[in-house]
Amino acid sequence: MTTSYLTAPQAEKTQRTYRYLVEMASNELELDRDGIPVPKHLQIVDVVVTEPGVKAIKALIAATDWLSGYTTVSHWIPSDCSEF
């Protein structure tokens, strides 16, 4: 699993930002050893947004072409993040 970084363009000009780790699964599938379709790729995206919550996360991810073949699986606040 790889980690990528994604920051909202306006985050550099804002004093308050919110950081999340977002697990993404590719829409491309492959069969596991039992013949069940599973995502071919998984990755963690370290996301910084200017509004808290899933709506801001999804909006930022939707605005990026390089994540268009992925679906959000889950998100969480990283344990090393003291902003909340």
PDB file of N, CA and C in Angstrom:
ATOM      1  N   MET A   1       0.855  -1.173   0.000  1.00  0.00           N
ATOM      2  CA  MET A   1       0.000   0.000   0.000  1.00  0.00           C
ATOM      3  C   MET A   1       0.903   1.239   0.000  1.00  0.00           C
ATOM      4  N   THR A   2       0.574   2.183  -0.854  1.00  0.00           N
ATOM      5  CA  THR A   2       1.372   3.406  -0.946  1.00  0.00           C
ATOM      6  C   THR A   2       0.672   4.562  -0.247  1.00  0.00           C
ATOM      7  N   THR A   3       1.447   5.583   0.096  1.00  0.00           N
ATOM      8  CA  THR A   3       0.888   6.797   0.688  1.00  0.00           C
ATOM      9  C   THR A   3       1.142   7.948  -0.254  1.00  0.00           C
ATOM     10  N   SER A   4       0.091   8.723  -0.530  1.00  0.00           N
ATOM     11  CA  SER A   4       0.186   9.915  -1.356  1.00  0.00           C
ATOM     12  C   SER A   4      -0.267  11.105  -0.526  1.00  0.00           C
ATOM     13  N   TYR A   5       0.021  12.307  -1.020  1.00  0.00           N
ATOM     14  CA  TYR A   5      -0.324  13.519  -0.283  1.00  0.00           C
ATOM     15  C   TYR A   5      -1.181  14.421  -1.153  1.00  0.00           C
ATOM     16  N   LEU A   6      -2.215  15.011  -0.543  1.00  0.00           N
ATOM     17  CA  LEU A   6      -3.144  15.867  -1.259  1.00  0.00           C
ATOM     18  C   LEU A   6      -3.555  17.008  -0.337  1.00  0.00           C
ATOM     19  N   THR A   7      -3.290  18.236  -0.757  1.00  0.00           N
ATOM     20  CA  THR A   7      -3.618  19.411   0.051  1.00  0.00           C
ATOM     21  C   THR A   7      -4.504  20.342  -0.752  1.00  0.00           C
ATOM     22  N   ALA A   8      -5.570  20.816  -0.138  1.00  0.00           N
ATOM     23  CA  ALA A   8      -6.459  21.781  -0.790  1.00  0.00           C
ATOM     24  C   ALA A   8      -5.663  23.031  -1.133  1.00  0.00           C
ATOM     25  N   PRO A   9      -5.835  23.579  -2.354  1.00  0.00           N
ATOM     26  CA  PRO A   9      -5.060  24.749  -2.756  1.00  0.00           C
ATOM     27  C   PRO A   9      -5.170  25.929  -1.794  1.00  0.00           C
ATOM     28  N   GLN A  10      -6.327  26.159  -1.223  1.00  0.00           N
ATOM     29  CA  GLN A  10      -6.536  27.293  -0.323  1.00  0.00           C
ATOM     30  C   GLN A  10      -5.999  27.043   1.087  1.00  0.00           C
ATOM     31  N   ALA A  11      -5.511  25.841   1.372  1.00  0.00           N
ATOM     32  CA  ALA A  11      -5.036  25.505   2.717  1.00  0.00           C
ATOM     33  C   ALA A  11      -3.812  26.318   3.114  1.00  0.00           C
ATOM     34  N   GLU A  12      -2.987  26.686   2.139  1.00  0.00           N
ATOM     35  CA  GLU A  12      -1.784  27.456   2.457  1.00  0.00           C
ATOM     36  C   GLU A  12      -2.117  28.869   2.939  1.00  0.00           C
ATOM     37  N   LYS A  13      -3.283  29.381   2.578  1.00  0.00           N
ATOM     38  CA  LYS A  13      -3.682  30.738   2.948  1.00  0.00           C
ATOM     39  C   LYS A  13      -4.596  30.771   4.172  1.00  0.00           C
ATOM     40  N   THR A  14      -4.962  29.602   4.667  1.00  0.00           N
ATOM     41  CA  THR A  14      -5.896  29.497   5.779  1.00  0.00           C
ATOM     42  C   THR A  14      -5.153  29.130   7.061  1.00  0.00           C
ATOM     43  N   GLN A  15      -5.540  29.742   8.158  1.00  0.00           N
ATOM     44  CA  GLN A  15      -4.894  29.419   9.434  1.00  0.00           C
ATOM     45  C   GLN A  15      -5.355  28.078   9.975  1.00  0.00           C
ATOM     46  N   ARG A  16      -6.585  27.699   9.703  1.00  0.00           N
ATOM     47  CA  ARG A  16      -7.141  26.461  10.254  1.00  0.00           C
ATOM     48  C   ARG A  16      -7.277  25.418   9.161  1.00  0.00           C
ATOM     49  N   THR A  17      -6.593  24.281   9.323  1.00  0.00           N
ATOM     50  CA  THR A  17      -6.725  23.181   8.388  1.00  0.00           C
ATOM     51  C   THR A  17      -7.034  21.899   9.145  1.00  0.00           C
ATOM     52  N   TYR A  18      -7.472  20.893   8.418  1.00  0.00           N
ATOM     53  CA  TYR A  18      -7.857  19.607   8.997  1.00  0.00           C
ATOM     54  C   TYR A  18      -7.173  18.505   8.208  1.00  0.00           C
ATOM     55  N   ARG A  19      -6.535  17.600   8.911  1.00  0.00           N
ATOM     56  CA  ARG A  19      -5.766  16.533   8.269  1.00  0.00           C
ATOM     57  C   ARG A  19      -6.436  15.190   8.516  1.00  0.00           C
ATOM     58  N   TYR A  20      -6.518  14.405   7.463  1.00  0.00           N
ATOM     59  CA  TYR A  20      -7.090  13.067   7.529  1.00  0.00           C
ATOM     60  C   TYR A  20      -6.220  12.104   6.731  1.00  0.00           C
ATOM     61  N   LEU A  21      -6.259  10.851   7.097  1.00  0.00           N
ATOM     62  CA  LEU A  21      -5.734   9.784   6.258  1.00  0.00           C
ATOM     63  C   LEU A  21      -6.940   9.105   5.631  1.00  0.00           C
ATOM     64  N   VAL A  22      -6.872   8.908   4.324  1.00  0.00           N
ATOM     65  CA  VAL A  22      -8.005   8.361   3.589  1.00  0.00           C
ATOM     66  C   VAL A  22      -7.555   7.099   2.866  1.00  0.00           C
ATOM     67  N   GLU A  23      -8.230   5.984   3.133  1.00  0.00           N
ATOM     68  CA  GLU A  23      -7.930   4.739   2.441  1.00  0.00           C
ATOM     69  C   GLU A  23      -8.729   4.700   1.148  1.00  0.00           C
ATOM     70  N   MET A  24      -8.010   4.486   0.044  1.00  0.00           N
ATOM     71  CA  MET A  24      -8.628   4.462  -1.278  1.00  0.00           C
ATOM     72  C   MET A  24      -8.425   3.081  -1.899  1.00  0.00           C
ATOM     73  N   ALA A  25      -9.457   2.588  -2.594  1.00  0.00           N
ATOM     74  CA  ALA A  25      -9.378   1.307  -3.297  1.00  0.00           C
ATOM     75  C   ALA A  25      -9.637   1.551  -4.776  1.00  0.00           C
ATOM     76  N   SER A  26      -8.843   0.916  -5.617  1.00  0.00           N
ATOM     77  CA  SER A  26      -9.023   1.095  -7.058  1.00  0.00           C
ATOM     78  C   SER A  26     -10.338   0.454  -7.500  1.00  0.00           C
ATOM     79  N   ASN A  27     -10.918   1.050  -8.525  1.00  0.00           N
ATOM     80  CA  ASN A  27     -12.125   0.469  -9.117  1.00  0.00           C
ATOM     81  C   ASN A  27     -11.767  -0.749  -9.967  1.00  0.00           C
ATOM     82  N   GLU A  28     -10.497  -0.855 -10.340  1.00  0.00           N
ATOM     83  CA  GLU A  28     -10.014  -2.011 -11.088  1.00  0.00           C
ATOM     84  C   GLU A  28      -9.909  -3.200 -10.125  1.00  0.00           C
ATOM     85  N   LEU A  29     -10.482  -4.321 -10.525  1.00  0.00           N
ATOM     86  CA  LEU A  29     -10.529  -5.491  -9.652  1.00  0.00           C
ATOM     87  C   LEU A  29      -9.671  -6.619 -10.199  1.00  0.00           C
ATOM     88  N   GLU A  30      -9.297  -7.516  -9.303  1.00  0.00           N
ATOM     89  CA  GLU A  30      -8.639  -8.764  -9.668  1.00  0.00           C
ATOM     90  C   GLU A  30      -9.223  -9.854  -8.776  1.00  0.00           C
ATOM     91  N   LEU A  31      -9.053 -11.098  -9.173  1.00  0.00           N
ATOM     92  CA  LEU A  31      -9.581 -12.204  -8.380  1.00  0.00           C
ATOM     93  C   LEU A  31      -8.562 -12.615  -7.330  1.00  0.00           C
ATOM     94  N   ASP A  32      -9.052 -12.811  -6.088  1.00  0.00           N
ATOM     95  CA  ASP A  32      -8.150 -13.319  -5.049  1.00  0.00           C
ATOM     96  C   ASP A  32      -8.027 -14.834  -5.209  1.00  0.00           C
ATOM     97  N   ARG A  33      -7.341 -15.480  -4.308  1.00  0.00           N
ATOM     98  CA  ARG A  33      -7.100 -16.927  -4.445  1.00  0.00           C
ATOM     99  C   ARG A  33      -8.372 -17.760  -4.367  1.00  0.00           C
ATOM    100  N   ASP A  34      -9.459 -17.167  -3.818  1.00  0.00           N
ATOM    101  CA  ASP A  34     -10.744 -17.873  -3.755  1.00  0.00           C
ATOM    102  C   ASP A  34     -11.651 -17.512  -4.926  1.00  0.00           C
ATOM    103  N   GLY A  35     -11.139 -16.713  -5.857  1.00  0.00           N
ATOM    104  CA  GLY A  35     -11.927 -16.323  -7.014  1.00  0.00           C
ATOM    105  C   GLY A  35     -12.884 -15.173  -6.759  1.00  0.00           C
ATOM    106  N   ILE A  36     -12.682 -14.449  -5.666  1.00  0.00           N
ATOM    107  CA  ILE A  36     -13.545 -13.317  -5.309  1.00  0.00           C
ATOM    108  C   ILE A  36     -12.898 -12.036  -5.826  1.00  0.00           C
ATOM    109  N   PRO A  37     -13.675 -11.190  -6.518  1.00  0.00           N
ATOM    110  CA  PRO A  37     -13.096  -9.925  -6.992  1.00  0.00           C
ATOM    111  C   PRO A  37     -12.761  -8.983  -5.834  1.00  0.00           C
ATOM    112  N   VAL A  38     -11.546  -8.460  -5.842  1.00  0.00           N
ATOM    113  CA  VAL A  38     -11.068  -7.517  -4.828  1.00  0.00           C
ATOM    114  C   VAL A  38     -10.358  -6.364  -5.542  1.00  0.00           C
ATOM    115  N   PRO A  39     -10.245  -5.198  -4.898  1.00  0.00           N
ATOM    116  CA  PRO A  39      -9.532  -4.088  -5.536  1.00  0.00           C
ATOM    117  C   PRO A  39      -8.086  -4.485  -5.871  1.00  0.00           C
ATOM    118  N   LYS A  40      -7.641  -4.088  -7.064  1.00  0.00           N
ATOM    119  CA  LYS A  40      -6.276  -4.409  -7.490  1.00  0.00           C
ATOM    120  C   LYS A  40      -5.244  -3.564  -6.744  1.00  0.00           C
ATOM    121  N   HIS A  41      -5.612  -2.319  -6.399  1.00  0.00           N
ATOM    122  CA  HIS A  41      -4.681  -1.428  -5.719  1.00  0.00           C
ATOM    123  C   HIS A  41      -5.361  -0.769  -4.524  1.00  0.00           C
ATOM    124  N   LEU A  42      -4.606  -0.599  -3.455  1.00  0.00           N
ATOM    125  CA  LEU A  42      -5.047   0.160  -2.286  1.00  0.00           C
ATOM    126  C   LEU A  42      -3.992   1.223  -2.013  1.00  0.00           C
ATOM    127  N   GLN A  43      -4.424   2.380  -1.553  1.00  0.00           N
ATOM    128  CA  GLN A  43      -3.465   3.399  -1.158  1.00  0.00           C
ATOM    129  C   GLN A  43      -4.049   4.281  -0.072  1.00  0.00           C
ATOM    130  N   ILE A  44      -3.148   4.863   0.692  1.00  0.00           N
ATOM    131  CA  ILE A  44      -3.511   5.814   1.728  1.00  0.00           C
ATOM    132  C   ILE A  44      -3.164   7.202   1.204  1.00  0.00           C
ATOM    133  N   VAL A  45      -4.110   8.128   1.306  1.00  0.00           N
ATOM    134  CA  VAL A  45      -3.864   9.500   0.887  1.00  0.00           C
ATOM    135  C   VAL A  45      -3.916  10.384   2.131  1.00  0.00           C
ATOM    136  N   ASP A  46      -2.848  11.116   2.367  1.00  0.00           N
ATOM    137  CA  ASP A  46      -2.753  12.061   3.482  1.00  0.00           C
ATOM    138  C   ASP A  46      -3.352  13.373   2.970  1.00  0.00           C
ATOM    139  N   VAL A  47      -4.542  13.715   3.465  1.00  0.00           N
ATOM    140  CA  VAL A  47      -5.334  14.823   2.932  1.00  0.00           C
ATOM    141  C   VAL A  47      -5.374  15.983   3.925  1.00  0.00           C
ATOM    142  N   VAL A  48      -5.210  17.206   3.412  1.00  0.00           N
ATOM    143  CA  VAL A  48      -5.365  18.412   4.223  1.00  0.00           C
ATOM    144  C   VAL A  48      -6.442  19.269   3.567  1.00  0.00           C
ATOM    145  N   VAL A  49      -7.498  19.556   4.334  1.00  0.00           N
ATOM    146  CA  VAL A  49      -8.624  20.344   3.833  1.00  0.00           C
ATOM    147  C   VAL A  49      -8.869  21.539   4.758  1.00  0.00           C
ATOM    148  N   THR A  50      -9.693  22.473   4.292  1.00  0.00           N
ATOM    149  CA  THR A  50      -9.952  23.685   5.083  1.00  0.00           C
ATOM    150  C   THR A  50     -11.253  23.613   5.874  1.00  0.00           C
ATOM    151  N   GLU A  51     -12.035  22.580   5.646  1.00  0.00           N
ATOM    152  CA  GLU A  51     -13.277  22.354   6.389  1.00  0.00           C
ATOM    153  C   GLU A  51     -13.226  20.946   6.968  1.00  0.00           C
ATOM    154  N   PRO A  52     -13.746  20.739   8.169  1.00  0.00           N
ATOM    155  CA  PRO A  52     -13.742  19.389   8.734  1.00  0.00           C
ATOM    156  C   PRO A  52     -14.809  18.512   8.088  1.00  0.00           C
ATOM    157  N   GLY A  53     -14.537  17.231   7.996  1.00  0.00           N
ATOM    158  CA  GLY A  53     -15.556  16.276   7.614  1.00  0.00           C
ATOM    159  C   GLY A  53     -15.435  15.679   6.230  1.00  0.00           C
ATOM    160  N   VAL A  54     -16.274  14.680   6.015  1.00  0.00           N
ATOM    161  CA  VAL A  54     -16.228  13.860   4.805  1.00  0.00           C
ATOM    162  C   VAL A  54     -16.602  14.653   3.552  1.00  0.00           C
ATOM    163  N   LYS A  55     -17.452  15.639   3.666  1.00  0.00           N
ATOM    164  CA  LYS A  55     -17.859  16.422   2.497  1.00  0.00           C
ATOM    165  C   LYS A  55     -16.655  17.127   1.870  1.00  0.00           C
ATOM    166  N   ALA A  56     -15.812  17.729   2.683  1.00  0.00           N
ATOM    167  CA  ALA A  56     -14.610  18.414   2.188  1.00  0.00           C
ATOM    168  C   ALA A  56     -13.608  17.416   1.619  1.00  0.00           C
ATOM    169  N   ILE A  57     -13.469  16.274   2.267  1.00  0.00           N
ATOM    170  CA  ILE A  57     -12.554  15.235   1.783  1.00  0.00           C
ATOM    171  C   ILE A  57     -12.979  14.769   0.398  1.00  0.00           C
ATOM    172  N   LYS A  58     -14.250  14.431   0.254  1.00  0.00           N
ATOM    173  CA  LYS A  58     -14.752  13.926  -1.029  1.00  0.00           C
ATOM    174  C   LYS A  58     -14.664  14.978  -2.125  1.00  0.00           C
ATOM    175  N   ALA A  59     -14.917  16.242  -1.789  1.00  0.00           N
ATOM    176  CA  ALA A  59     -14.833  17.311  -2.788  1.00  0.00           C
ATOM    177  C   ALA A  59     -13.403  17.462  -3.294  1.00  0.00           C
ATOM    178  N   LEU A  60     -12.432  17.413  -2.397  1.00  0.00           N
ATOM    179  CA  LEU A  60     -11.036  17.543  -2.804  1.00  0.00           C
ATOM    180  C   LEU A  60     -10.600  16.355  -3.657  1.00  0.00           C
ATOM    181  N   ILE A  61     -10.964  15.168  -3.243  1.00  0.00           N
ATOM    182  CA  ILE A  61     -10.601  13.971  -4.003  1.00  0.00           C
ATOM    183  C   ILE A  61     -11.261  13.986  -5.378  1.00  0.00           C
ATOM    184  N   ALA A  62     -12.506  14.416  -5.458  1.00  0.00           N
ATOM    185  CA  ALA A  62     -13.223  14.479  -6.742  1.00  0.00           C
ATOM    186  C   ALA A  62     -12.577  15.477  -7.707  1.00  0.00           C
ATOM    187  N   ALA A  63     -11.892  16.470  -7.166  1.00  0.00           N
ATOM    188  CA  ALA A  63     -11.263  17.499  -8.000  1.00  0.00           C
ATOM    189  C   ALA A  63      -9.907  17.062  -8.557  1.00  0.00           C
ATOM    190  N   THR A  64      -9.439  15.883  -8.203  1.00  0.00           N
ATOM    191  CA  THR A  64      -8.135  15.412  -8.665  1.00  0.00           C
ATOM    192  C   THR A  64      -8.298  14.312  -9.703  1.00  0.00           C
ATOM    193  N   ASP A  65      -7.640  14.474 -10.825  1.00  0.00           N
ATOM    194  CA  ASP A  65      -7.723  13.479 -11.897  1.00  0.00           C
ATOM    195  C   ASP A  65      -7.043  12.167 -11.526  1.00  0.00           C
ATOM    196  N   TRP A  66      -5.945  12.234 -10.782  1.00  0.00           N
ATOM    197  CA  TRP A  66      -5.173  11.022 -10.514  1.00  0.00           C
ATOM    198  C   TRP A  66      -5.845  10.060  -9.545  1.00  0.00           C
ATOM    199  N   LEU A  67      -6.959  10.475  -8.915  1.00  0.00           N
ATOM    200  CA  LEU A  67      -7.722   9.562  -8.046  1.00  0.00           C
ATOM    201  C   LEU A  67      -9.070   9.186  -8.648  1.00  0.00           C
ATOM    202  N   SER A  68      -9.263   9.494  -9.924  1.00  0.00           N
ATOM    203  CA  SER A  68     -10.568   9.233 -10.540  1.00  0.00           C
ATOM    204  C   SER A  68     -10.904   7.743 -10.633  1.00  0.00           C
ATOM    205  N   GLY A  69      -9.908   6.882 -10.628  1.00  0.00           N
ATOM    206  CA  GLY A  69     -10.149   5.448 -10.697  1.00  0.00           C
ATOM    207  C   GLY A  69     -10.219   4.774  -9.338  1.00  0.00           C
ATOM    208  N   TYR A  70     -10.410   5.582  -8.282  1.00  0.00           N
ATOM    209  CA  TYR A  70     -10.429   5.059  -6.912  1.00  0.00           C
ATOM    210  C   TYR A  70     -11.716   5.434  -6.188  1.00  0.00           C
ATOM    211  N   THR A  71     -12.046   4.643  -5.183  1.00  0.00           N
ATOM    212  CA  THR A  71     -13.201   4.882  -4.326  1.00  0.00           C
ATOM    213  C   THR A  71     -12.717   5.019  -2.882  1.00  0.00           C
ATOM    214  N   THR A  72     -13.302   5.951  -2.151  1.00  0.00           N
ATOM    215  CA  THR A  72     -12.962   6.126  -0.735  1.00  0.00           C
ATOM    216  C   THR A  72     -13.526   4.953   0.061  1.00  0.00           C
ATOM    217  N   VAL A  73     -12.669   4.318   0.836  1.00  0.00           N
ATOM    218  CA  VAL A  73     -13.076   3.191   1.678  1.00  0.00           C
ATOM    219  C   VAL A  73     -13.341   3.670   3.104  1.00  0.00           C
ATOM    220  N   SER A  74     -12.382   4.440   3.647  1.00  0.00           N
ATOM    221  CA  SER A  74     -12.529   4.943   5.013  1.00  0.00           C
ATOM    222  C   SER A  74     -11.619   6.145   5.193  1.00  0.00           C
ATOM    223  N   HIS A  75     -11.840   6.863   6.282  1.00  0.00           N
ATOM    224  CA  HIS A  75     -10.956   7.979   6.621  1.00  0.00           C
ATOM    225  C   HIS A  75     -10.861   8.081   8.137  1.00  0.00           C
ATOM    226  N   TRP A  76      -9.751   8.641   8.610  1.00  0.00           N
ATOM    227  CA  TRP A  76      -9.557   8.810  10.044  1.00  0.00           C
ATOM    228  C   TRP A  76      -8.567   9.938  10.291  1.00  0.00           C
ATOM    229  N   ILE A  77      -8.572  10.430  11.505  1.00  0.00           N
ATOM    230  CA  ILE A  77      -7.624  11.455  11.935  1.00  0.00           C
ATOM    231  C   ILE A  77      -6.355  10.728  12.373  1.00  0.00           C
ATOM    232  N   PRO A  78      -5.204  11.086  11.808  1.00  0.00           N
ATOM    233  CA  PRO A  78      -3.971  10.389  12.181  1.00  0.00           C
ATOM    234  C   PRO A  78      -3.623  10.584  13.652  1.00  0.00           C
ATOM    235  N   SER A  79      -3.017   9.588  14.241  1.00  0.00           N
ATOM    236  CA  SER A  79      -2.693   9.643  15.665  1.00  0.00           C
ATOM    237  C   SER A  79      -1.651  10.706  15.982  1.00  0.00           C
ATOM    238  N   ASP A  80      -0.847  11.118  15.012  1.00  0.00           N
ATOM    239  CA  ASP A  80       0.155  12.149  15.259  1.00  0.00           C
ATOM    240  C   ASP A  80      -0.376  13.558  15.018  1.00  0.00           C
ATOM    241  N   CYS A  81      -1.682  13.683  14.834  1.00  0.00           N
ATOM    242  CA  CYS A  81      -2.291  14.972  14.528  1.00  0.00           C
ATOM    243  C   CYS A  81      -2.911  15.548  15.798  1.00  0.00           C
ATOM    244  N   SER A  82      -2.434  16.715  16.212  1.00  0.00           N
ATOM    245  CA  SER A  82      -2.931  17.328  17.432  1.00  0.00           C
ATOM    246  C   SER A  82      -3.837  18.532  17.148  1.00  0.00           C
ATOM    247  N   GLU A  83      -4.291  18.669  15.899  1.00  0.00           N
ATOM    248  CA  GLU A  83      -5.092  19.837  15.529  1.00  0.00           C
ATOM    249  C   GLU A  83      -6.533  19.766  16.017  1.00  0.00           C
ATOM    250  N   PHE A  84      -7.004  18.591  16.389  1.00  0.00           N
ATOM    251  CA  PHE A  84      -8.407  18.461  16.771  1.00  0.00           C
ATOM    252  C   PHE A  84      -8.569  18.458  18.273  1.00  0.00           C
TER     253      PHE A  84
END
